[in-house]
Amino acid sequence: MASDVSTLQIVVSIVVFVFVYAFIISEKINRTVVALAGAGIILFFGVLEVDTAFSEYIEWGTITLLIGMMILVGITNKSGVFQYAAVKSAKMVNGQPMKILII
């Protein structure tokens, strides 16, 4: 990783960060699209190089863990397990909100 960062790279990084955050907060555009567009702009202006971004800044173990969890939750959700657990716990405490929260 190069230690000398140009002023243009710093300015581009800050501007992209602020705009991406503003769009995510406004919820006018899907946050995934905004995040990917911001990453594309960072790569386009040469703030990061593609191989450096993929090899040093992406934690692939975390990405694969999240993908696996999303797949399992998606399958489990379709089976109705979460709805069953919610109804069962509500019946156990006779619908009392504070006890449902504790369970």
Protein backbone atom coordinates (compact mmCIF):
# COMPACT_ATOMS: atom_id res chain seq x y z
CA MET A 1 0.00 0.00 0.00
CA ALA A 2 1.43 3.38 -0.99
CA SER A 3 2.06 5.76 1.88
CA ASP A 4 1.87 8.97 -0.14
CA VAL A 5 -1.75 9.98 -0.67
CA SER A 6 -2.52 12.94 -2.88
CA THR A 7 -4.78 15.80 -1.85
CA LEU A 8 -7.15 14.88 -4.72
CA GLN A 9 -7.57 11.37 -3.31
CA ILE A 10 -8.38 12.74 0.13
CA VAL A 11 -10.89 15.26 -1.26
CA VAL A 12 -12.54 12.63 -3.47
CA SER A 13 -12.79 10.24 -0.52
CA ILE A 14 -14.41 12.83 1.73
CA VAL A 15 -16.83 14.07 -0.93
CA VAL A 16 -17.88 10.53 -1.89
CA PHE A 17 -18.31 9.58 1.78
CA VAL A 18 -20.53 12.60 2.50
CA PHE A 19 -22.67 12.10 -0.61
CA VAL A 20 -23.08 8.36 -0.04
CA TYR A 21 -24.08 8.97 3.57
CA ALA A 22 -26.53 11.71 2.54
CA PHE A 23 -28.19 9.44 -0.03
CA ILE A 24 -28.38 6.54 2.42
CA ILE A 25 -29.95 8.78 5.08
CA SER A 26 -32.44 10.27 2.61
CA GLU A 27 -33.47 6.79 1.43
CA LYS A 28 -34.23 8.21 -2.04
CA ILE A 29 -32.13 5.47 -3.70
CA ASN A 30 -31.53 1.91 -2.52
CA ARG A 31 -28.56 1.91 -0.12
CA THR A 32 -26.88 -0.98 -1.93
CA VAL A 33 -26.92 0.92 -5.21
CA VAL A 34 -25.54 4.04 -3.51
CA ALA A 35 -22.76 2.10 -1.73
CA LEU A 36 -21.71 0.34 -4.94
CA ALA A 37 -21.77 3.63 -6.86
CA GLY A 38 -19.57 5.21 -4.18
CA ALA A 39 -17.14 2.29 -4.39
CA GLY A 40 -17.09 2.62 -8.17
CA ILE A 41 -16.31 6.33 -7.96
CA ILE A 42 -13.48 5.64 -5.50
CA LEU A 43 -12.03 3.08 -7.92
CA PHE A 44 -12.57 5.34 -10.95
CA PHE A 45 -10.64 8.24 -9.41
CA GLY A 46 -7.81 5.94 -8.39
CA VAL A 47 -8.15 6.41 -4.64
CA LEU A 48 -7.92 2.61 -4.41
CA GLU A 49 -6.87 0.08 -7.00
CA VAL A 50 -9.15 -2.87 -7.67
CA ASP A 51 -6.66 -5.57 -6.68
CA THR A 52 -5.76 -3.73 -3.48
CA ALA A 53 -9.42 -3.26 -2.59
CA PHE A 54 -10.20 -6.95 -3.08
CA SER A 55 -7.07 -8.32 -1.41
CA GLU A 56 -6.59 -5.95 1.54
CA TYR A 57 -9.88 -4.21 2.36
CA ILE A 58 -12.51 -6.91 1.97
CA GLU A 59 -12.75 -9.50 4.73
CA TRP A 60 -14.00 -12.49 2.73
CA GLY A 61 -14.58 -14.62 5.84
CA THR A 62 -17.10 -12.10 7.13
CA ILE A 63 -18.78 -11.76 3.73
CA THR A 64 -19.23 -15.54 3.39
CA LEU A 65 -20.50 -15.81 6.98
CA LEU A 66 -23.11 -13.12 6.32
CA ILE A 67 -24.21 -14.73 3.05
CA GLY A 68 -24.58 -18.10 4.78
CA MET A 69 -26.59 -16.57 7.61
CA MET A 70 -28.87 -14.75 5.15
CA ILE A 71 -29.52 -17.99 3.28
CA LEU A 72 -30.34 -19.86 6.50
CA VAL A 73 -32.63 -17.10 7.79
CA GLY A 74 -34.40 -16.92 4.41
CA ILE A 75 -35.09 -20.66 4.45
CA THR A 76 -36.09 -20.63 8.11
CA ASN A 77 -38.41 -17.66 7.55
CA LYS A 78 -40.26 -19.48 4.75
CA SER A 79 -40.79 -22.48 7.02
CA GLY A 80 -42.67 -20.34 9.57
CA VAL A 81 -40.35 -21.01 12.52
CA PHE A 82 -40.18 -17.36 13.56
CA GLN A 83 -43.96 -16.90 13.44
CA TYR A 84 -44.44 -20.11 15.43
CA ALA A 85 -41.97 -18.95 18.10
CA ALA A 86 -43.68 -15.56 18.32
CA VAL A 87 -47.16 -17.03 18.76
CA LYS A 88 -45.94 -19.69 21.20
CA SER A 89 -44.12 -17.14 23.38
CA ALA A 90 -47.10 -14.76 23.37
CA LYS A 91 -49.43 -17.57 24.45
CA MET A 92 -47.00 -18.66 27.20
CA VAL A 93 -47.21 -15.25 28.91
CA ASN A 94 -50.88 -14.56 28.08
CA GLY A 95 -50.03 -11.65 25.77
CA GLN A 96 -48.44 -9.44 28.42
CA PRO A 97 -46.10 -7.09 26.51
CA MET A 98 -43.36 -6.82 29.14
CA LYS A 99 -43.12 -10.57 29.54
CA ILE A 100 -43.09 -11.05 25.75
CA LEU A 101 -40.18 -8.64 25.60
CA ILE A 102 -38.31 -10.64 28.24
CA ILE A 103 -38.95 -13.95 26.47
